[in-house]
Amino acid sequence: GSLRLSCAASRSIFTFNAMGWYRQA
């Protein structure tokens, strides 16, 4: 199956060098 994760930031993403997703099992 499929899922879509979203992450909303409190300020413009232009202020970030990078964004990403990590996971921990």
mmCIF file of all heavy atoms, coordinates in Angstrom:
data_MODEL
# 
_entry.id   MODEL 
# 
loop_
_atom_site.group_PDB 
_atom_site.id 
_atom_site.type_symbol 
_atom_site.label_atom_id 
_atom_site.label_alt_id 
_atom_site.label_comp_id 
_atom_site.label_asym_id 
_atom_site.label_entity_id 
_atom_site.label_seq_id 
_atom_site.pdbx_PDB_ins_code 
_atom_site.Cartn_x 
_atom_site.Cartn_y 
_atom_site.Cartn_z 
_atom_site.occupancy 
_atom_site.B_iso_or_equiv 
_atom_site.pdbx_formal_charge 
_atom_site.auth_seq_id 
_atom_site.auth_comp_id 
_atom_site.auth_asym_id 
_atom_site.auth_atom_id 
_atom_site.pdbx_PDB_model_num 
ATOM 1   N N   . GLY A 1 1  ? 0.804  -1.212 0.000  1.00 0.00 ? 1  GLY A N   1 
ATOM 2   C CA  . GLY A 1 1  ? 0.000  0.000  0.000  1.00 0.00 ? 1  GLY A CA  1 
ATOM 3   C C   . GLY A 1 1  ? 0.838  1.263  0.000  1.00 0.00 ? 1  GLY A C   1 
ATOM 4   O O   . GLY A 1 1  ? 2.069  1.217  -0.095 1.00 0.00 ? 1  GLY A O   1 
ATOM 5   N N   . SER A 1 2  ? 0.142  2.385  0.109  1.00 0.00 ? 2  SER A N   1 
ATOM 6   C CA  . SER A 1 2  ? 0.791  3.696  0.056  1.00 0.00 ? 2  SER A CA  1 
ATOM 7   C C   . SER A 1 2  ? 0.343  4.571  1.216  1.00 0.00 ? 2  SER A C   1 
ATOM 8   O O   . SER A 1 2  ? -0.770 4.424  1.729  1.00 0.00 ? 2  SER A O   1 
ATOM 9   C CB  . SER A 1 2  ? 0.451  4.405  -1.255 1.00 0.00 ? 2  SER A CB  1 
ATOM 10  O OG  . SER A 1 2  ? 0.900  3.681  -2.370 1.00 0.00 ? 2  SER A OG  1 
ATOM 11  N N   . LEU A 1 3  ? 1.223  5.473  1.603  1.00 0.00 ? 3  LEU A N   1 
ATOM 12  C CA  . LEU A 1 3  ? 0.916  6.518  2.572  1.00 0.00 ? 3  LEU A CA  1 
ATOM 13  C C   . LEU A 1 3  ? 1.665  7.775  2.158  1.00 0.00 ? 3  LEU A C   1 
ATOM 14  O O   . LEU A 1 3  ? 2.723  7.691  1.510  1.00 0.00 ? 3  LEU A O   1 
ATOM 15  C CB  . LEU A 1 3  ? 1.359  6.128  3.989  1.00 0.00 ? 3  LEU A CB  1 
ATOM 16  C CG  . LEU A 1 3  ? 0.485  5.185  4.816  1.00 0.00 ? 3  LEU A CG  1 
ATOM 17  C CD1 . LEU A 1 3  ? 1.184  4.862  6.132  1.00 0.00 ? 3  LEU A CD1 1 
ATOM 18  C CD2 . LEU A 1 3  ? -0.884 5.796  5.074  1.00 0.00 ? 3  LEU A CD2 1 
ATOM 19  N N   . ARG A 1 4  ? 1.105  8.897  2.566  1.00 0.00 ? 4  ARG A N   1 
ATOM 20  C CA  . ARG A 1 4  ? 1.781  10.177 2.311  1.00 0.00 ? 4  ARG A CA  1 
ATOM 21  C C   . ARG A 1 4  ? 1.944  10.903 3.648  1.00 0.00 ? 4  ARG A C   1 
ATOM 22  O O   . ARG A 1 4  ? 0.945  11.207 4.318  1.00 0.00 ? 4  ARG A O   1 
ATOM 23  C CB  . ARG A 1 4  ? 0.996  11.034 1.336  1.00 0.00 ? 4  ARG A CB  1 
ATOM 24  C CG  . ARG A 1 4  ? 1.704  12.322 0.935  1.00 0.00 ? 4  ARG A CG  1 
ATOM 25  C CD  . ARG A 1 4  ? 0.896  13.084 -0.094 1.00 0.00 ? 4  ARG A CD  1 
ATOM 26  N NE  . ARG A 1 4  ? 1.547  14.318 -0.530 1.00 0.00 ? 4  ARG A NE  1 
ATOM 27  C CZ  . ARG A 1 4  ? 2.436  14.384 -1.511 1.00 0.00 ? 4  ARG A CZ  1 
ATOM 28  N NH1 . ARG A 1 4  ? 2.763  13.293 -2.179 1.00 0.00 ? 4  ARG A NH1 1 
ATOM 29  N NH2 . ARG A 1 4  ? 2.978  15.544 -1.848 1.00 0.00 ? 4  ARG A NH2 1 
ATOM 30  N N   . LEU A 1 5  ? 3.180  11.174 4.009  1.00 0.00 ? 5  LEU A N   1 
ATOM 31  C CA  . LEU A 1 5  ? 3.481  11.929 5.218  1.00 0.00 ? 5  LEU A CA  1 
ATOM 32  C C   . LEU A 1 5  ? 3.701  13.391 4.861  1.00 0.00 ? 5  LEU A C   1 
ATOM 33  O O   . LEU A 1 5  ? 4.292  13.693 3.814  1.00 0.00 ? 5  LEU A O   1 
ATOM 34  C CB  . LEU A 1 5  ? 4.732  11.378 5.900  1.00 0.00 ? 5  LEU A CB  1 
ATOM 35  C CG  . LEU A 1 5  ? 4.740  9.898  6.254  1.00 0.00 ? 5  LEU A CG  1 
ATOM 36  C CD1 . LEU A 1 5  ? 6.041  9.547  6.977  1.00 0.00 ? 5  LEU A CD1 1 
ATOM 37  C CD2 . LEU A 1 5  ? 3.544  9.528  7.102  1.00 0.00 ? 5  LEU A CD2 1 
ATOM 38  N N   . SER A 1 6  ? 3.246  14.260 5.738  1.00 0.00 ? 6  SER A N   1 
ATOM 39  C CA  . SER A 1 6  ? 3.469  15.688 5.548  1.00 0.00 ? 6  SER A CA  1 
ATOM 40  C C   . SER A 1 6  ? 4.080  16.282 6.810  1.00 0.00 ? 6  SER A C   1 
ATOM 41  O O   . SER A 1 6  ? 3.803  15.816 7.916  1.00 0.00 ? 6  SER A O   1 
ATOM 42  C CB  . SER A 1 6  ? 2.155  16.399 5.227  1.00 0.00 ? 6  SER A CB  1 
ATOM 43  O OG  . SER A 1 6  ? 1.666  16.012 3.967  1.00 0.00 ? 6  SER A OG  1 
ATOM 44  N N   . CYS A 1 7  ? 4.893  17.301 6.615  1.00 0.00 ? 7  CYS A N   1 
ATOM 45  C CA  . CYS A 1 7  ? 5.528  17.995 7.724  1.00 0.00 ? 7  CYS A CA  1 
ATOM 46  C C   . CYS A 1 7  ? 5.361  19.485 7.504  1.00 0.00 ? 7  CYS A C   1 
ATOM 47  O O   . CYS A 1 7  ? 5.852  20.027 6.505  1.00 0.00 ? 7  CYS A O   1 
ATOM 48  C CB  . CYS A 1 7  ? 7.009  17.638 7.789  1.00 0.00 ? 7  CYS A CB  1 
ATOM 49  S SG  . CYS A 1 7  ? 7.961  18.596 8.978  1.00 0.00 ? 7  CYS A SG  1 
ATOM 50  N N   . ALA A 1 8  ? 4.642  20.127 8.406  1.00 0.00 ? 8  ALA A N   1 
ATOM 51  C CA  . ALA A 1 8  ? 4.408  21.567 8.319  1.00 0.00 ? 8  ALA A CA  1 
ATOM 52  C C   . ALA A 1 8  ? 5.371  22.288 9.240  1.00 0.00 ? 8  ALA A C   1 
ATOM 53  O O   . ALA A 1 8  ? 5.491  21.952 10.422 1.00 0.00 ? 8  ALA A O   1 
ATOM 54  C CB  . ALA A 1 8  ? 2.970  21.878 8.710  1.00 0.00 ? 8  ALA A CB  1 
ATOM 55  N N   . ALA A 1 9  ? 6.054  23.287 8.679  1.00 0.00 ? 9  ALA A N   1 
ATOM 56  C CA  . ALA A 1 9  ? 7.033  24.057 9.436  1.00 0.00 ? 9  ALA A CA  1 
ATOM 57  C C   . ALA A 1 9  ? 6.428  25.380 9.905  1.00 0.00 ? 9  ALA A C   1 
ATOM 58  O O   . ALA A 1 9  ? 5.523  25.923 9.273  1.00 0.00 ? 9  ALA A O   1 
ATOM 59  C CB  . ALA A 1 9  ? 8.273  24.326 8.593  1.00 0.00 ? 9  ALA A CB  1 
ATOM 60  N N   . SER A 1 10 ? 6.972  25.896 10.995 1.00 0.00 ? 10 SER A N   1 
ATOM 61  C CA  . SER A 1 10 ? 6.432  27.134 11.576 1.00 0.00 ? 10 SER A CA  1 
ATOM 62  C C   . SER A 1 10 ? 6.969  28.380 10.892 1.00 0.00 ? 10 SER A C   1 
ATOM 63  O O   . SER A 1 10 ? 6.558  29.492 11.227 1.00 0.00 ? 10 SER A O   1 
ATOM 64  C CB  . SER A 1 10 ? 6.749  27.183 13.074 1.00 0.00 ? 10 SER A CB  1 
ATOM 65  O OG  . SER A 1 10 ? 8.151  27.108 13.294 1.00 0.00 ? 10 SER A OG  1 
ATOM 66  N N   . ARG A 1 11 ? 7.903  28.185 9.955  1.00 0.00 ? 11 ARG A N   1 
ATOM 67  C CA  . ARG A 1 11 ? 8.400  29.329 9.210  1.00 0.00 ? 11 ARG A CA  1 
ATOM 68  C C   . ARG A 1 11 ? 8.805  28.868 7.819  1.00 0.00 ? 11 ARG A C   1 
ATOM 69  O O   . ARG A 1 11 ? 8.814  27.678 7.509  1.00 0.00 ? 11 ARG A O   1 
ATOM 70  C CB  . ARG A 1 11 ? 9.574  29.977 9.929  1.00 0.00 ? 11 ARG A CB  1 
ATOM 71  C CG  . ARG A 1 11 ? 10.828 29.130 10.012 1.00 0.00 ? 11 ARG A CG  1 
ATOM 72  C CD  . ARG A 1 11 ? 11.849 29.768 10.924 1.00 0.00 ? 11 ARG A CD  1 
ATOM 73  N NE  . ARG A 1 11 ? 13.196 29.261 10.704 1.00 0.00 ? 11 ARG A NE  1 
ATOM 74  C CZ  . ARG A 1 11 ? 14.119 29.240 11.637 1.00 0.00 ? 11 ARG A CZ  1 
ATOM 75  N NH1 . ARG A 1 11 ? 13.854 29.680 12.844 1.00 0.00 ? 11 ARG A NH1 1 
ATOM 76  N NH2 . ARG A 1 11 ? 15.331 28.790 11.362 1.00 0.00 ? 11 ARG A NH2 1 
ATOM 77  N N   . SER A 1 12 ? 9.158  29.833 6.971  1.00 0.00 ? 12 SER A N   1 
ATOM 78  C CA  . SER A 1 12 ? 9.477  29.522 5.585  1.00 0.00 ? 12 SER A CA  1 
ATOM 79  C C   . SER A 1 12 ? 10.574 28.470 5.487  1.00 0.00 ? 12 SER A C   1 
ATOM 80  O O   . SER A 1 12 ? 11.576 28.517 6.190  1.00 0.00 ? 12 SER A O   1 
ATOM 81  C CB  . SER A 1 12 ? 9.944  30.786 4.867  1.00 0.00 ? 12 SER A CB  1 
ATOM 82  O OG  . SER A 1 12 ? 10.445 30.464 3.583  1.00 0.00 ? 12 SER A OG  1 
ATOM 83  N N   . ILE A 1 13 ? 10.360 27.513 4.580  1.00 0.00 ? 13 ILE A N   1 
ATOM 84  C CA  . ILE A 1 13 ? 11.370 26.462 4.406  1.00 0.00 ? 13 ILE A CA  1 
ATOM 85  C C   . ILE A 1 13 ? 12.625 26.995 3.735  1.00 0.00 ? 13 ILE A C   1 
ATOM 86  O O   . ILE A 1 13 ? 13.641 26.303 3.689  1.00 0.00 ? 13 ILE A O   1 
ATOM 87  C CB  . ILE A 1 13 ? 10.787 25.259 3.636  1.00 0.00 ? 13 ILE A CB  1 
ATOM 88  C CG1 . ILE A 1 13 ? 10.371 25.651 2.229  1.00 0.00 ? 13 ILE A CG1 1 
ATOM 89  C CG2 . ILE A 1 13 ? 9.625  24.653 4.399  1.00 0.00 ? 13 ILE A CG2 1 
ATOM 90  C CD1 . ILE A 1 13 ? 9.896  24.468 1.394  1.00 0.00 ? 13 ILE A CD1 1 
ATOM 91  N N   . PHE A 1 14 ? 12.569 28.232 3.234  1.00 0.00 ? 14 PHE A N   1 
ATOM 92  C CA  . PHE A 1 14 ? 13.770 28.846 2.678  1.00 0.00 ? 14 PHE A CA  1 
ATOM 93  C C   . PHE A 1 14 ? 14.809 29.124 3.763  1.00 0.00 ? 14 PHE A C   1 
ATOM 94  O O   . PHE A 1 14 ? 15.967 29.366 3.462  1.00 0.00 ? 14 PHE A O   1 
ATOM 95  C CB  . PHE A 1 14 ? 13.432 30.150 1.961  1.00 0.00 ? 14 PHE A CB  1 
ATOM 96  C CG  . PHE A 1 14 ? 12.959 29.962 0.551  1.00 0.00 ? 14 PHE A CG  1 
ATOM 97  C CD1 . PHE A 1 14 ? 11.781 30.552 0.109  1.00 0.00 ? 14 PHE A CD1 1 
ATOM 98  C CD2 . PHE A 1 14 ? 13.679 29.201 -0.353 1.00 0.00 ? 14 PHE A CD2 1 
ATOM 99  C CE1 . PHE A 1 14 ? 11.342 30.376 -1.196 1.00 0.00 ? 14 PHE A CE1 1 
ATOM 100 C CE2 . PHE A 1 14 ? 13.258 29.023 -1.654 1.00 0.00 ? 14 PHE A CE2 1 
ATOM 101 C CZ  . PHE A 1 14 ? 12.082 29.617 -2.080 1.00 0.00 ? 14 PHE A CZ  1 
ATOM 102 N N   . THR A 1 15 ? 14.382 29.104 5.015  1.00 0.00 ? 15 THR A N   1 
ATOM 103 C CA  . THR A 1 15 ? 15.321 29.349 6.104  1.00 0.00 ? 15 THR A CA  1 
ATOM 104 C C   . THR A 1 15 ? 16.087 28.089 6.495  1.00 0.00 ? 15 THR A C   1 
ATOM 105 O O   . THR A 1 15 ? 16.962 28.145 7.354  1.00 0.00 ? 15 THR A O   1 
ATOM 106 C CB  . THR A 1 15 ? 14.590 29.888 7.344  1.00 0.00 ? 15 THR A CB  1 
ATOM 107 O OG1 . THR A 1 15 ? 13.689 28.878 7.829  1.00 0.00 ? 15 THR A OG1 1 
ATOM 108 C CG2 . THR A 1 15 ? 13.812 31.142 7.008  1.00 0.00 ? 15 THR A CG2 1 
ATOM 109 N N   . PHE A 1 16 ? 15.749 26.966 5.863  1.00 0.00 ? 16 PHE A N   1 
ATOM 110 C CA  . PHE A 1 16 ? 16.419 25.708 6.181  1.00 0.00 ? 16 PHE A CA  1 
ATOM 111 C C   . PHE A 1 16 ? 17.443 25.353 5.102  1.00 0.00 ? 16 PHE A C   1 
ATOM 112 O O   . PHE A 1 16 ? 17.197 25.541 3.925  1.00 0.00 ? 16 PHE A O   1 
ATOM 113 C CB  . PHE A 1 16 ? 15.398 24.568 6.286  1.00 0.00 ? 16 PHE A CB  1 
ATOM 114 C CG  . PHE A 1 16 ? 14.277 24.850 7.241  1.00 0.00 ? 16 PHE A CG  1 
ATOM 115 C CD1 . PHE A 1 16 ? 12.968 24.573 6.876  1.00 0.00 ? 16 PHE A CD1 1 
ATOM 116 C CD2 . PHE A 1 16 ? 14.525 25.372 8.489  1.00 0.00 ? 16 PHE A CD2 1 
ATOM 117 C CE1 . PHE A 1 16 ? 11.923 24.815 7.758  1.00 0.00 ? 16 PHE A CE1 1 
ATOM 118 C CE2 . PHE A 1 16 ? 13.489 25.623 9.379  1.00 0.00 ? 16 PHE A CE2 1 
ATOM 119 C CZ  . PHE A 1 16 ? 12.181 25.354 9.002  1.00 0.00 ? 16 PHE A CZ  1 
ATOM 120 N N   . ASN A 1 17 ? 18.563 24.815 5.518  1.00 0.00 ? 17 ASN A N   1 
ATOM 121 C CA  . ASN A 1 17 ? 19.543 24.315 4.563  1.00 0.00 ? 17 ASN A CA  1 
ATOM 122 C C   . ASN A 1 17 ? 19.028 23.063 3.873  1.00 0.00 ? 17 ASN A C   1 
ATOM 123 O O   . ASN A 1 17 ? 19.295 22.818 2.701  1.00 0.00 ? 17 ASN A O   1 
ATOM 124 C CB  . ASN A 1 17 ? 20.857 24.008 5.260  1.00 0.00 ? 17 ASN A CB  1 
ATOM 125 C CG  . ASN A 1 17 ? 21.433 25.217 5.937  1.00 0.00 ? 17 ASN A CG  1 
ATOM 126 O OD1 . ASN A 1 17 ? 21.399 25.322 7.152  1.00 0.00 ? 17 ASN A OD1 1 
ATOM 127 N ND2 . ASN A 1 17 ? 21.925 26.165 5.164  1.00 0.00 ? 17 ASN A ND2 1 
ATOM 128 N N   . ALA A 1 18 ? 18.309 22.256 4.627  1.00 0.00 ? 18 ALA A N   1 
ATOM 129 C CA  . ALA A 1 18 ? 17.762 21.012 4.101  1.00 0.00 ? 18 ALA A CA  1 
ATOM 130 C C   . ALA A 1 18 ? 16.645 20.539 5.015  1.00 0.00 ? 18 ALA A C   1 
ATOM 131 O O   . ALA A 1 18 ? 16.585 20.905 6.195  1.00 0.00 ? 18 ALA A O   1 
ATOM 132 C CB  . ALA A 1 18 ? 18.838 19.932 4.009  1.00 0.00 ? 18 ALA A CB  1 
ATOM 133 N N   . MET A 1 19 ? 15.765 19.740 4.448  1.00 0.00 ? 19 MET A N   1 
ATOM 134 C CA  . MET A 1 19 ? 14.723 19.084 5.224  1.00 0.00 ? 19 MET A CA  1 
ATOM 135 C C   . MET A 1 19 ? 14.706 17.614 4.847  1.00 0.00 ? 19 MET A C   1 
ATOM 136 O O   . MET A 1 19 ? 15.135 17.231 3.748  1.00 0.00 ? 19 MET A O   1 
ATOM 137 C CB  . MET A 1 19 ? 13.352 19.706 4.960  1.00 0.00 ? 19 MET A CB  1 
ATOM 138 C CG  . MET A 1 19 ? 13.234 21.143 5.403  1.00 0.00 ? 19 MET A CG  1 
ATOM 139 S SD  . MET A 1 19 ? 11.551 21.784 5.279  1.00 0.00 ? 19 MET A SD  1 
ATOM 140 C CE  . MET A 1 19 ? 10.762 20.959 6.676  1.00 0.00 ? 19 MET A CE  1 
ATOM 141 N N   . GLY A 1 20 ? 14.237 16.812 5.768  1.00 0.00 ? 20 GLY A N   1 
ATOM 142 C CA  . GLY A 1 20 ? 14.238 15.392 5.454  1.00 0.00 ? 20 GLY A CA  1 
ATOM 143 C C   . GLY A 1 20 ? 13.359 14.599 6.379  1.00 0.00 ? 20 GLY A C   1 
ATOM 144 O O   . GLY A 1 20 ? 12.706 15.142 7.283  1.00 0.00 ? 20 GLY A O   1 
ATOM 145 N N   . TRP A 1 21 ? 13.330 13.312 6.109  1.00 0.00 ? 21 TRP A N   1 
ATOM 146 C CA  . TRP A 1 21 ? 12.594 12.351 6.921  1.00 0.00 ? 21 TRP A CA  1 
ATOM 147 C C   . TRP A 1 21 ? 13.559 11.274 7.404  1.00 0.00 ? 21 TRP A C   1 
ATOM 148 O O   . TRP A 1 21 ? 14.364 10.757 6.630  1.00 0.00 ? 21 TRP A O   1 
ATOM 149 C CB  . TRP A 1 21 ? 11.480 11.706 6.098  1.00 0.00 ? 21 TRP A CB  1 
ATOM 150 C CG  . TRP A 1 21 ? 10.364 12.634 5.779  1.00 0.00 ? 21 TRP A CG  1 
ATOM 151 C CD1 . TRP A 1 21 ? 10.226 13.427 4.669  1.00 0.00 ? 21 TRP A CD1 1 
ATOM 152 C CD2 . TRP A 1 21 ? 9.217  12.895 6.595  1.00 0.00 ? 21 TRP A CD2 1 
ATOM 153 N NE1 . TRP A 1 21 ? 9.070  14.152 4.745  1.00 0.00 ? 21 TRP A NE1 1 
ATOM 154 C CE2 . TRP A 1 21 ? 8.429  13.847 5.912  1.00 0.00 ? 21 TRP A CE2 1 
ATOM 155 C CE3 . TRP A 1 21 ? 8.760  12.419 7.832  1.00 0.00 ? 21 TRP A CE3 1 
ATOM 156 C CZ2 . TRP A 1 21 ? 7.223  14.334 6.426  1.00 0.00 ? 21 TRP A CZ2 1 
ATOM 157 C CZ3 . TRP A 1 21 ? 7.562  12.889 8.333  1.00 0.00 ? 21 TRP A CZ3 1 
ATOM 158 C CH2 . TRP A 1 21 ? 6.812  13.832 7.629  1.00 0.00 ? 21 TRP A CH2 1 
ATOM 159 N N   . TYR A 1 22 ? 13.451 10.999 8.680  1.00 0.00 ? 22 TYR A N   1 
ATOM 160 C CA  . TYR A 1 22 ? 14.197 9.920  9.302  1.00 0.00 ? 22 TYR A CA  1 
ATOM 161 C C   . TYR A 1 22 ? 13.187 8.942  9.892  1.00 0.00 ? 22 TYR A C   1 
ATOM 162 O O   . TYR A 1 22 ? 12.020 9.284  10.077 1.00 0.00 ? 22 TYR A O   1 
ATOM 163 C CB  . TYR A 1 22 ? 15.093 10.459 10.422 1.00 0.00 ? 22 TYR A CB  1 
ATOM 164 C CG  . TYR A 1 22 ? 16.293 11.229 9.935  1.00 0.00 ? 22 TYR A CG  1 
ATOM 165 C CD1 . TYR A 1 22 ? 16.153 12.481 9.337  1.00 0.00 ? 22 TYR A CD1 1 
ATOM 166 C CD2 . TYR A 1 22 ? 17.579 10.713 10.084 1.00 0.00 ? 22 TYR A CD2 1 
ATOM 167 C CE1 . TYR A 1 22 ? 17.264 13.196 8.899  1.00 0.00 ? 22 TYR A CE1 1 
ATOM 168 C CE2 . TYR A 1 22 ? 18.701 11.421 9.650  1.00 0.00 ? 22 TYR A CE2 1 
ATOM 169 C CZ  . TYR A 1 22 ? 18.529 12.663 9.061  1.00 0.00 ? 22 TYR A CZ  1 
ATOM 170 O OH  . TYR A 1 22 ? 19.632 13.353 8.631  1.00 0.00 ? 22 TYR A OH  1 
ATOM 171 N N   . ARG A 1 23 ? 13.642 7.756  10.199 1.00 0.00 ? 23 ARG A N   1 
ATOM 172 C CA  . ARG A 1 23 ? 12.760 6.793  10.849 1.00 0.00 ? 23 ARG A CA  1 
ATOM 173 C C   . ARG A 1 23 ? 13.537 5.986  11.884 1.00 0.00 ? 23 ARG A C   1 
ATOM 174 O O   . ARG A 1 23 ? 14.748 5.827  11.785 1.00 0.00 ? 23 ARG A O   1 
ATOM 175 C CB  . ARG A 1 23 ? 12.111 5.858  9.835  1.00 0.00 ? 23 ARG A CB  1 
ATOM 176 C CG  . ARG A 1 23 ? 13.065 4.903  9.119  1.00 0.00 ? 23 ARG A CG  1 
ATOM 177 C CD  . ARG A 1 23 ? 12.316 4.141  8.033  1.00 0.00 ? 23 ARG A CD  1 
ATOM 178 N NE  . ARG A 1 23 ? 13.183 3.202  7.331  1.00 0.00 ? 23 ARG A NE  1 
ATOM 179 C CZ  . ARG A 1 23 ? 12.833 2.521  6.249  1.00 0.00 ? 23 ARG A CZ  1 
ATOM 180 N NH1 . ARG A 1 23 ? 11.606 2.689  5.724  1.00 0.00 ? 23 ARG A NH1 1 
ATOM 181 N NH2 . ARG A 1 23 ? 13.675 1.683  5.694  1.00 0.00 ? 23 ARG A NH2 1 
ATOM 182 N N   . GLN A 1 24 ? 12.782 5.513  12.857 1.00 0.00 ? 24 GLN A N   1 
ATOM 183 C CA  . GLN A 1 24 ? 13.383 4.696  13.905 1.00 0.00 ? 24 GLN A CA  1 
ATOM 184 C C   . GLN A 1 24 ? 12.451 3.550  14.234 1.00 0.00 ? 24 GLN A C   1 
ATOM 185 O O   . GLN A 1 24 ? 11.319 3.763  14.695 1.00 0.00 ? 24 GLN A O   1 
ATOM 186 C CB  . GLN A 1 24 ? 13.677 5.529  15.155 1.00 0.00 ? 24 GLN A CB  1 
ATOM 187 C CG  . GLN A 1 24 ? 14.464 4.780  16.202 1.00 0.00 ? 24 GLN A CG  1 
ATOM 188 C CD  . GLN A 1 24 ? 15.004 5.701  17.281 1.00 0.00 ? 24 GLN A CD  1 
ATOM 189 O OE1 . GLN A 1 24 ? 14.558 6.830  17.446 1.00 0.00 ? 24 GLN A OE1 1 
ATOM 190 N NE2 . GLN A 1 24 ? 16.000 5.214  18.009 1.00 0.00 ? 24 GLN A NE2 1 
ATOM 191 N N   . ALA A 1 25 ? 12.928 2.347  13.991 1.00 0.00 ? 25 ALA A N   1 
ATOM 192 C CA  . ALA A 1 25 ? 12.183 1.140  14.319 1.00 0.00 ? 25 ALA A CA  1 
ATOM 193 C C   . ALA A 1 25 ? 12.588 0.688  15.730 1.00 0.00 ? 25 ALA A C   1 
ATOM 194 O O   . ALA A 1 25 ? 13.678 1.031  16.206 1.00 0.00 ? 25 ALA A O   1 
ATOM 195 C CB  . ALA A 1 25 ? 12.482 0.046  13.302 1.00 0.00 ? 25 ALA A CB  1 
# 
